[in-house]
Each structure stands twice: as C-alpha cells, then as structure tokens.
Amino acid sequence: MMLGRTDVTLEADLPVIEHMPLAYQRDRRRPHFPYESEEDLVAYADAYGRVMDVVRLLRAEGIPLWPGTDDNTGFSLHRELELYTQAGY
C-alpha cells in the first residue's frame, strides 16, 4: 500500500481487480497514504524498500513470520507470500 498511487492498480490487485465491484476497484486505485509531492512518493518507495530490508534481516536471523489476511479481502495474502519469497523465506 506504500506504493499506491492515484488511478494505479497495485500489483497485488492485478489478478482480481477487474472481477470486483466498481466501489472496490475505485478504493483500490486510490492512494492509501497521503502525498503532496513527488518527494513524498519517493519517500514511500524508500520506506517500502526498507520494510523489505527488515523482512530479509528477520529471515537471516531465523525469525519466522506468519502471513495474514488483515487487508479484509484476503486477496493480498497471495502477494504477501510472493514478497516473503522475494525476501528469502
């Protein structure tokens, strides 16, 4: 969600977004974190990278993580598993 932009579909939503009600589609194609400038967007992208760095560090230290469905729909679970895989889990 840190990478959300106005009228941009997040990678996590690509497989399902076109099959969802319009209200859901509109909600998912809006930024969930406020931004006022390009600098804000760069900061969010940097923060996302740091979160992934922390997940990689947790993996390196042998700390287990459990995927969750706190995004209400459960669809994001698959993307979360992809990201864990990218981090080495």
PDB file of N, CA and C in Angstrom:
ATOM      1  N   MET A   1       0.812  -1.193   0.000  1.00  0.00           N
ATOM      2  CA  MET A   1       0.000   0.000   0.000  1.00  0.00           C
ATOM      3  C   MET A   1       0.857   1.258   0.000  1.00  0.00           C
ATOM      4  N   MET A   2       2.121   1.138   0.425  1.00  0.00           N
ATOM      5  CA  MET A   2       3.023   2.284   0.382  1.00  0.00           C
ATOM      6  C   MET A   2       3.266   2.751  -1.049  1.00  0.00           C
ATOM      7  N   LEU A   3       3.050   1.864  -1.994  1.00  0.00           N
ATOM      8  CA  LEU A   3       3.304   2.195  -3.396  1.00  0.00           C
ATOM      9  C   LEU A   3       2.035   2.617  -4.133  1.00  0.00           C
ATOM     10  N   GLY A   4       0.927   2.756  -3.430  1.00  0.00           N
ATOM     11  CA  GLY A   4      -0.330   3.140  -4.056  1.00  0.00           C
ATOM     12  C   GLY A   4      -0.287   4.543  -4.634  1.00  0.00           C
ATOM     13  N   ARG A   5      -0.842   4.690  -5.813  1.00  0.00           N
ATOM     14  CA  ARG A   5      -0.897   5.977  -6.500  1.00  0.00           C
ATOM     15  C   ARG A   5      -2.293   6.146  -7.086  1.00  0.00           C
ATOM     16  N   THR A   6      -2.689   7.369  -7.322  1.00  0.00           N
ATOM     17  CA  THR A   6      -3.998   7.642  -7.902  1.00  0.00           C
ATOM     18  C   THR A   6      -4.122   6.955  -9.254  1.00  0.00           C
ATOM     19  N   ASP A   7      -5.195   6.204  -9.429  1.00  0.00           N
ATOM     20  CA  ASP A   7      -5.514   5.510 -10.684  1.00  0.00           C
ATOM     21  C   ASP A   7      -4.466   4.483 -11.112  1.00  0.00           C
ATOM     22  N   VAL A   8      -3.714   3.961 -10.174  1.00  0.00           N
ATOM     23  CA  VAL A   8      -2.733   2.907 -10.461  1.00  0.00           C
ATOM     24  C   VAL A   8      -3.156   1.659  -9.698  1.00  0.00           C
ATOM     25  N   THR A   9      -3.194   0.532 -10.384  1.00  0.00           N
ATOM     26  CA  THR A   9      -3.554  -0.732  -9.739  1.00  0.00           C
ATOM     27  C   THR A   9      -2.304  -1.359  -9.141  1.00  0.00           C
ATOM     28  N   LEU A  10      -2.372  -1.662  -7.866  1.00  0.00           N
ATOM     29  CA  LEU A  10      -1.246  -2.327  -7.199  1.00  0.00           C
ATOM     30  C   LEU A  10      -1.049  -3.725  -7.770  1.00  0.00           C
ATOM     31  N   GLU A  11       0.183  -4.168  -7.779  1.00  0.00           N
ATOM     32  CA  GLU A  11       0.495  -5.487  -8.312  1.00  0.00           C
ATOM     33  C   GLU A  11      -0.303  -6.582  -7.622  1.00  0.00           C
ATOM     34  N   ALA A  12      -0.541  -6.420  -6.337  1.00  0.00           N
ATOM     35  CA  ALA A  12      -1.304  -7.416  -5.582  1.00  0.00           C
ATOM     36  C   ALA A  12      -2.732  -7.556  -6.089  1.00  0.00           C
ATOM     37  N   ASP A  13      -3.267  -6.480  -6.653  1.00  0.00           N
ATOM     38  CA  ASP A  13      -4.658  -6.488  -7.104  1.00  0.00           C
ATOM     39  C   ASP A  13      -4.830  -6.890  -8.564  1.00  0.00           C
ATOM     40  N   LEU A  14      -3.768  -6.917  -9.333  1.00  0.00           N
ATOM     41  CA  LEU A  14      -3.884  -7.173 -10.770  1.00  0.00           C
ATOM     42  C   LEU A  14      -4.686  -8.431 -11.120  1.00  0.00           C
ATOM     43  N   PRO A  15      -4.486  -9.555 -10.433  1.00  0.00           N
ATOM     44  CA  PRO A  15      -5.214 -10.765 -10.838  1.00  0.00           C
ATOM     45  C   PRO A  15      -6.724 -10.717 -10.593  1.00  0.00           C
ATOM     46  N   VAL A  16      -7.191  -9.831  -9.700  1.00  0.00           N
ATOM     47  CA  VAL A  16      -8.601  -9.886  -9.315  1.00  0.00           C
ATOM     48  C   VAL A  16      -9.387  -8.609  -9.543  1.00  0.00           C
ATOM     49  N   ILE A  17      -8.718  -7.498  -9.717  1.00  0.00           N
ATOM     50  CA  ILE A  17      -9.387  -6.199  -9.679  1.00  0.00           C
ATOM     51  C   ILE A  17     -10.530  -6.077 -10.680  1.00  0.00           C
ATOM     52  N   GLU A  18     -10.360  -6.599 -11.879  1.00  0.00           N
ATOM     53  CA  GLU A  18     -11.393  -6.454 -12.909  1.00  0.00           C
ATOM     54  C   GLU A  18     -12.640  -7.293 -12.619  1.00  0.00           C
ATOM     55  N   HIS A  19     -12.551  -8.200 -11.675  1.00  0.00           N
ATOM     56  CA  HIS A  19     -13.683  -9.063 -11.321  1.00  0.00           C
ATOM     57  C   HIS A  19     -14.419  -8.579 -10.071  1.00  0.00           C
ATOM     58  N   MET A  20     -13.991  -7.445  -9.543  1.00  0.00           N
ATOM     59  CA  MET A  20     -14.551  -6.941  -8.301  1.00  0.00           C
ATOM     60  C   MET A  20     -15.555  -5.826  -8.578  1.00  0.00           C
ATOM     61  N   PRO A  21     -16.445  -5.543  -7.624  1.00  0.00           N
ATOM     62  CA  PRO A  21     -17.394  -4.436  -7.785  1.00  0.00           C
ATOM     63  C   PRO A  21     -16.657  -3.111  -7.989  1.00  0.00           C
ATOM     64  N   LEU A  22     -17.309  -2.189  -8.681  1.00  0.00           N
ATOM     65  CA  LEU A  22     -16.684  -0.903  -9.004  1.00  0.00           C
ATOM     66  C   LEU A  22     -16.232  -0.133  -7.764  1.00  0.00           C
ATOM     67  N   ALA A  23     -16.999  -0.182  -6.712  1.00  0.00           N
ATOM     68  CA  ALA A  23     -16.616   0.535  -5.492  1.00  0.00           C
ATOM     69  C   ALA A  23     -15.288   0.003  -4.951  1.00  0.00           C
ATOM     70  N   TYR A  24     -15.130  -1.306  -4.978  1.00  0.00           N
ATOM     71  CA  TYR A  24     -13.874  -1.923  -4.540  1.00  0.00           C
ATOM     72  C   TYR A  24     -12.743  -1.480  -5.461  1.00  0.00           C
ATOM     73  N   GLN A  25     -12.978  -1.511  -6.779  1.00  0.00           N
ATOM     74  CA  GLN A  25     -11.952  -1.104  -7.733  1.00  0.00           C
ATOM     75  C   GLN A  25     -11.513   0.336  -7.479  1.00  0.00           C
ATOM     76  N   ARG A  26     -12.476   1.233  -7.261  1.00  0.00           N
ATOM     77  CA  ARG A  26     -12.139   2.636  -7.002  1.00  0.00           C
ATOM     78  C   ARG A  26     -11.309   2.769  -5.727  1.00  0.00           C
ATOM     79  N   ASP A  27     -11.711   2.040  -4.701  1.00  0.00           N
ATOM     80  CA  ASP A  27     -10.982   2.105  -3.439  1.00  0.00           C
ATOM     81  C   ASP A  27      -9.548   1.630  -3.603  1.00  0.00           C
ATOM     82  N   ARG A  28      -9.359   0.572  -4.366  1.00  0.00           N
ATOM     83  CA  ARG A  28      -8.015   0.011  -4.530  1.00  0.00           C
ATOM     84  C   ARG A  28      -7.141   0.826  -5.476  1.00  0.00           C
ATOM     85  N   ARG A  29      -7.743   1.703  -6.256  1.00  0.00           N
ATOM     86  CA  ARG A  29      -6.978   2.534  -7.191  1.00  0.00           C
ATOM     87  C   ARG A  29      -6.810   3.962  -6.672  1.00  0.00           C
ATOM     88  N   ARG A  30      -6.793   4.082  -5.377  1.00  0.00           N
ATOM     89  CA  ARG A  30      -6.542   5.386  -4.764  1.00  0.00           C
ATOM     90  C   ARG A  30      -5.367   5.233  -3.806  1.00  0.00           C
ATOM     91  N   PRO A  31      -4.680   6.316  -3.541  1.00  0.00           N
ATOM     92  CA  PRO A  31      -3.580   6.215  -2.571  1.00  0.00           C
ATOM     93  C   PRO A  31      -4.146   6.000  -1.165  1.00  0.00           C
ATOM     94  N   HIS A  32      -3.538   5.107  -0.411  1.00  0.00           N
ATOM     95  CA  HIS A  32      -3.970   4.862   0.957  1.00  0.00           C
ATOM     96  C   HIS A  32      -3.127   5.636   1.960  1.00  0.00           C
ATOM     97  N   PHE A  33      -2.044   6.229   1.462  1.00  0.00           N
ATOM     98  CA  PHE A  33      -1.212   7.100   2.275  1.00  0.00           C
ATOM     99  C   PHE A  33      -1.182   8.453   1.565  1.00  0.00           C
ATOM    100  N   PRO A  34      -1.420   9.537   2.284  1.00  0.00           N
ATOM    101  CA  PRO A  34      -1.494  10.845   1.623  1.00  0.00           C
ATOM    102  C   PRO A  34      -0.131  11.291   1.095  1.00  0.00           C
ATOM    103  N   TYR A  35      -0.163  12.000  -0.022  1.00  0.00           N
ATOM    104  CA  TYR A  35       1.063  12.599  -0.537  1.00  0.00           C
ATOM    105  C   TYR A  35       0.739  13.915  -1.213  1.00  0.00           C
ATOM    106  N   GLU A  36       1.697  14.808  -1.169  1.00  0.00           N
ATOM    107  CA  GLU A  36       1.507  16.127  -1.764  1.00  0.00           C
ATOM    108  C   GLU A  36       2.511  16.431  -2.857  1.00  0.00           C
ATOM    109  N   SER A  37       3.569  15.632  -2.922  1.00  0.00           N
ATOM    110  CA  SER A  37       4.618  15.939  -3.887  1.00  0.00           C
ATOM    111  C   SER A  37       5.297  14.653  -4.351  1.00  0.00           C
ATOM    112  N   GLU A  38       6.084  14.796  -5.381  1.00  0.00           N
ATOM    113  CA  GLU A  38       6.877  13.668  -5.879  1.00  0.00           C
ATOM    114  C   GLU A  38       7.856  13.197  -4.807  1.00  0.00           C
ATOM    115  N   GLU A  39       8.344  14.113  -3.994  1.00  0.00           N
ATOM    116  CA  GLU A  39       9.254  13.749  -2.903  1.00  0.00           C
ATOM    117  C   GLU A  39       8.577  12.797  -1.925  1.00  0.00           C
ATOM    118  N   ASP A  40       7.293  13.032  -1.652  1.00  0.00           N
ATOM    119  CA  ASP A  40       6.542  12.129  -0.774  1.00  0.00           C
ATOM    120  C   ASP A  40       6.489  10.727  -1.371  1.00  0.00           C
ATOM    121  N   LEU A  41       6.259  10.644  -2.683  1.00  0.00           N
ATOM    122  CA  LEU A  41       6.186   9.344  -3.345  1.00  0.00           C
ATOM    123  C   LEU A  41       7.520   8.626  -3.279  1.00  0.00           C
ATOM    124  N   VAL A  42       8.594   9.361  -3.461  1.00  0.00           N
ATOM    125  CA  VAL A  42       9.935   8.776  -3.358  1.00  0.00           C
ATOM    126  C   VAL A  42      10.178   8.279  -1.935  1.00  0.00           C
ATOM    127  N   ALA A  43       9.746   9.051  -0.949  1.00  0.00           N
ATOM    128  CA  ALA A  43       9.917   8.638   0.449  1.00  0.00           C
ATOM    129  C   ALA A  43       9.154   7.351   0.741  1.00  0.00           C
ATOM    130  N   TYR A  44       7.932   7.226   0.206  1.00  0.00           N
ATOM    131  CA  TYR A  44       7.169   5.993   0.404  1.00  0.00           C
ATOM    132  C   TYR A  44       7.856   4.815  -0.272  1.00  0.00           C
ATOM    133  N   ALA A  45       8.383   5.022  -1.472  1.00  0.00           N
ATOM    134  CA  ALA A  45       9.088   3.944  -2.168  1.00  0.00           C
ATOM    135  C   ALA A  45      10.332   3.532  -1.382  1.00  0.00           C
ATOM    136  N   ASP A  46      11.050   4.509  -0.829  1.00  0.00           N
ATOM    137  CA  ASP A  46      12.215   4.194   0.006  1.00  0.00           C
ATOM    138  C   ASP A  46      11.806   3.426   1.253  1.00  0.00           C
ATOM    139  N   ALA A  47      10.699   3.840   1.871  1.00  0.00           N
ATOM    140  CA  ALA A  47      10.217   3.154   3.071  1.00  0.00           C
ATOM    141  C   ALA A  47       9.842   1.711   2.753  1.00  0.00           C
ATOM    142  N   TYR A  48       9.221   1.496   1.601  1.00  0.00           N
ATOM    143  CA  TYR A  48       8.882   0.133   1.176  1.00  0.00           C
ATOM    144  C   TYR A  48      10.153  -0.706   1.068  1.00  0.00           C
ATOM    145  N   GLY A  49      11.179  -0.139   0.459  1.00  0.00           N
ATOM    146  CA  GLY A  49      12.458  -0.848   0.348  1.00  0.00           C
ATOM    147  C   GLY A  49      13.040  -1.189   1.710  1.00  0.00           C
ATOM    148  N   ARG A  50      12.897  -0.280   2.641  1.00  0.00           N
ATOM    149  CA  ARG A  50      13.414  -0.543   3.992  1.00  0.00           C
ATOM    150  C   ARG A  50      12.622  -1.639   4.698  1.00  0.00           C
ATOM    151  N   VAL A  51      11.317  -1.655   4.490  1.00  0.00           N
ATOM    152  CA  VAL A  51      10.495  -2.726   5.070  1.00  0.00           C
ATOM    153  C   VAL A  51      10.971  -4.075   4.531  1.00  0.00           C
ATOM    154  N   MET A  52      11.211  -4.137   3.233  1.00  0.00           N
ATOM    155  CA  MET A  52      11.706  -5.388   2.651  1.00  0.00           C
ATOM    156  C   MET A  52      13.084  -5.744   3.216  1.00  0.00           C
ATOM    157  N   ASP A  53      13.935  -4.745   3.453  1.00  0.00           N
ATOM    158  CA  ASP A  53      15.240  -4.995   4.075  1.00  0.00           C
ATOM    159  C   ASP A  53      15.075  -5.593   5.462  1.00  0.00           C
ATOM    160  N   VAL A  54      14.119  -5.091   6.227  1.00  0.00           N
ATOM    161  CA  VAL A  54      13.863  -5.620   7.573  1.00  0.00           C
ATOM    162  C   VAL A  54      13.369  -7.062   7.487  1.00  0.00           C
ATOM    163  N   VAL A  55      12.492  -7.352   6.540  1.00  0.00           N
ATOM    164  CA  VAL A  55      11.995  -8.723   6.383  1.00  0.00           C
ATOM    165  C   VAL A  55      13.160  -9.651   6.021  1.00  0.00           C
ATOM    166  N   ARG A  56      14.060  -9.199   5.156  1.00  0.00           N
ATOM    167  CA  ARG A  56      15.244 -10.013   4.818  1.00  0.00           C
ATOM    168  C   ARG A  56      16.125 -10.237   6.047  1.00  0.00           C
ATOM    169  N   LEU A  57      16.284  -9.210   6.861  1.00  0.00           N
ATOM    170  CA  LEU A  57      17.067  -9.330   8.086  1.00  0.00           C
ATOM    171  C   LEU A  57      16.422 -10.318   9.047  1.00  0.00           C
ATOM    172  N   LEU A  58      15.104 -10.248   9.191  1.00  0.00           N
ATOM    173  CA  LEU A  58      14.411 -11.209  10.047  1.00  0.00           C
ATOM    174  C   LEU A  58      14.650 -12.632   9.565  1.00  0.00           C
ATOM    175  N   ARG A  59      14.594 -12.819   8.258  1.00  0.00           N
ATOM    176  CA  ARG A  59      14.850 -14.143   7.680  1.00  0.00           C
ATOM    177  C   ARG A  59      16.273 -14.592   7.987  1.00  0.00           C
ATOM    178  N   ALA A  60      17.230 -13.690   7.800  1.00  0.00           N
ATOM    179  CA  ALA A  60      18.643 -14.023   8.050  1.00  0.00           C
ATOM    180  C   ALA A  60      18.885 -14.411   9.505  1.00  0.00           C
ATOM    181  N   GLU A  61      18.090 -13.828  10.400  1.00  0.00           N
ATOM    182  CA  GLU A  61      18.224 -14.124  11.826  1.00  0.00           C
ATOM    183  C   GLU A  61      17.397 -15.340  12.252  1.00  0.00           C
ATOM    184  N   GLY A  62      16.701 -15.949  11.293  1.00  0.00           N
ATOM    185  CA  GLY A  62      15.933 -17.153  11.597  1.00  0.00           C
ATOM    186  C   GLY A  62      14.604 -16.885  12.288  1.00  0.00           C
ATOM    187  N   ILE A  63      14.102 -15.679  12.188  1.00  0.00           N
ATOM    188  CA  ILE A  63      12.848 -15.321  12.840  1.00  0.00           C
ATOM    189  C   ILE A  63      11.687 -15.654  11.905  1.00  0.00           C
ATOM    190  N   PRO A  64      10.776 -16.518  12.335  1.00  0.00           N
ATOM    191  CA  PRO A  64       9.652 -16.883  11.466  1.00  0.00           C
ATOM    192  C   PRO A  64       8.599 -15.777  11.395  1.00  0.00           C
ATOM    193  N   LEU A  65       7.991 -15.648  10.244  1.00  0.00           N
ATOM    194  CA  LEU A  65       6.872 -14.731  10.057  1.00  0.00           C
ATOM    195  C   LEU A  65       5.676 -15.533   9.580  1.00  0.00           C
ATOM    196  N   TRP A  66       4.495 -15.081   9.970  1.00  0.00           N
ATOM    197  CA  TRP A  66       3.271 -15.743   9.545  1.00  0.00           C
ATOM    198  C   TRP A  66       2.476 -14.791   8.665  1.00  0.00           C
ATOM    199  N   PRO A  67       2.100 -15.217   7.483  1.00  0.00           N
ATOM    200  CA  PRO A  67       1.296 -14.350   6.627  1.00  0.00           C
ATOM    201  C   PRO A  67      -0.087 -14.141   7.227  1.00  0.00           C
ATOM    202  N   GLY A  68      -0.700 -13.022   6.876  1.00  0.00           N
ATOM    203  CA  GLY A  68      -2.007 -12.713   7.431  1.00  0.00           C
ATOM    204  C   GLY A  68      -2.968 -12.203   6.381  1.00  0.00           C
ATOM    205  N   THR A  69      -4.196 -11.999   6.795  1.00  0.00           N
ATOM    206  CA  THR A  69      -5.233 -11.514   5.886  1.00  0.00           C
ATOM    207  C   THR A  69      -5.864 -10.251   6.448  1.00  0.00           C
ATOM    208  N   ASP A  70      -5.037  -9.350   6.964  1.00  0.00           N
ATOM    209  CA  ASP A  70      -5.560  -8.141   7.593  1.00  0.00           C
ATOM    210  C   ASP A  70      -6.040  -7.097   6.585  1.00  0.00           C
ATOM    211  N   ASP A  71      -6.005  -7.417   5.305  1.00  0.00           N
ATOM    212  CA  ASP A  71      -6.471  -6.485   4.275  1.00  0.00           C
ATOM    213  C   ASP A  71      -7.962  -6.654   4.013  1.00  0.00           C
ATOM    214  N   ASN A  72      -8.653  -7.331   4.856  1.00  0.00           N
ATOM    215  CA  ASN A  72     -10.101  -7.560   4.798  1.00  0.00           C
ATOM    216  C   ASN A  72     -10.525  -8.574   3.746  1.00  0.00           C
ATOM    217  N   THR A  73      -9.992  -8.499   2.548  1.00  0.00           N
ATOM    218  CA  THR A  73     -10.465  -9.367   1.473  1.00  0.00           C
ATOM    219  C   THR A  73      -9.764 -10.715   1.435  1.00  0.00           C
ATOM    220  N   GLY A  74      -8.547 -10.762   1.928  1.00  0.00           N
ATOM    221  CA  GLY A  74      -7.770 -11.988   1.854  1.00  0.00           C
ATOM    222  C   GLY A  74      -6.998 -12.131   0.554  1.00  0.00           C
ATOM    223  N   PHE A  75      -7.333 -11.333  -0.463  1.00  0.00           N
ATOM    224  CA  PHE A  75      -6.635 -11.430  -1.735  1.00  0.00           C
ATOM    225  C   PHE A  75      -5.164 -11.047  -1.616  1.00  0.00           C
ATOM    226  N   SER A  76      -4.861 -10.160  -0.689  1.00  0.00           N
ATOM    227  CA  SER A  76      -3.474  -9.714  -0.551  1.00  0.00           C
ATOM    228  C   SER A  76      -2.568 -10.803   0.019  1.00  0.00           C
ATOM    229  N   LEU A  77      -3.141 -11.849   0.558  1.00  0.00           N
ATOM    230  CA  LEU A  77      -2.347 -12.935   1.117  1.00  0.00           C
ATOM    231  C   LEU A  77      -1.393 -13.509   0.075  1.00  0.00           C
ATOM    232  N   HIS A  78      -1.849 -13.677  -1.135  1.00  0.00           N
ATOM    233  CA  HIS A  78      -1.003 -14.246  -2.174  1.00  0.00           C
ATOM    234  C   HIS A  78       0.188 -13.332  -2.471  1.00  0.00           C
ATOM    235  N   ARG A  79      -0.060 -12.031  -2.515  1.00  0.00           N
ATOM    236  CA  ARG A  79       1.034 -11.084  -2.742  1.00  0.00           C
ATOM    237  C   ARG A  79       1.997 -11.098  -1.569  1.00  0.00           C
ATOM    238  N   GLU A  80       1.471 -11.211  -0.364  1.00  0.00           N
ATOM    239  CA  GLU A  80       2.339 -11.272   0.814  1.00  0.00           C
ATOM    240  C   GLU A  80       3.258 -12.482   0.734  1.00  0.00           C
ATOM    241  N   LEU A  81       2.733 -13.604   0.298  1.00  0.00           N
ATOM    242  CA  LEU A  81       3.567 -14.800   0.145  1.00  0.00           C
ATOM    243  C   LEU A  81       4.644 -14.579  -0.920  1.00  0.00           C
ATOM    244  N   GLU A  82       4.300 -13.892  -1.999  1.00  0.00           N
ATOM    245  CA  GLU A  82       5.296 -13.566  -3.024  1.00  0.00           C
ATOM    246  C   GLU A  82       6.416 -12.704  -2.441  1.00  0.00           C
ATOM    247  N   LEU A  83       6.041 -11.724  -1.639  1.00  0.00           N
ATOM    248  CA  LEU A  83       7.042 -10.834  -1.049  1.00  0.00           C
ATOM    249  C   LEU A  83       7.923 -11.575  -0.049  1.00  0.00           C
ATOM    250  N   TYR A  84       7.343 -12.460   0.726  1.00  0.00           N
ATOM    251  CA  TYR A  84       8.145 -13.279   1.639  1.00  0.00           C
ATOM    252  C   TYR A  84       9.146 -14.123   0.849  1.00  0.00           C
ATOM    253  N   THR A  85       8.702 -14.646  -0.272  1.00  0.00           N
ATOM    254  CA  THR A  85       9.596 -15.441  -1.120  1.00  0.00           C
ATOM    255  C   THR A  85      10.732 -14.574  -1.636  1.00  0.00           C
ATOM    256  N   GLN A  86      10.416 -13.352  -2.068  1.00  0.00           N
ATOM    257  CA  GLN A  86      11.457 -12.442  -2.530  1.00  0.00           C
ATOM    258  C   GLN A  86      12.463 -12.133  -1.434  1.00  0.00           C
ATOM    259  N   ALA A  87      11.993 -12.144  -0.181  1.00  0.00           N
ATOM    260  CA  ALA A  87      12.867 -11.864   0.960  1.00  0.00           C
ATOM    261  C   ALA A  87      13.637 -13.083   1.418  1.00  0.00           C
ATOM    262  N   GLY A  88      13.398 -14.233   0.798  1.00  0.00           N
ATOM    263  CA  GLY A  88      14.177 -15.415   1.131  1.00  0.00           C
ATOM    264  C   GLY A  88      13.480 -16.440   1.980  1.00  0.00           C
ATOM    265  N   TYR A  89      12.230 -16.208   2.330  1.00  0.00           N
ATOM    266  CA  TYR A  89      11.505 -17.206   3.122  1.00  0.00           C
ATOM    267  C   TYR A  89      11.082 -18.357   2.242  1.00  0.00           C
TER     268      TYR A  89
END
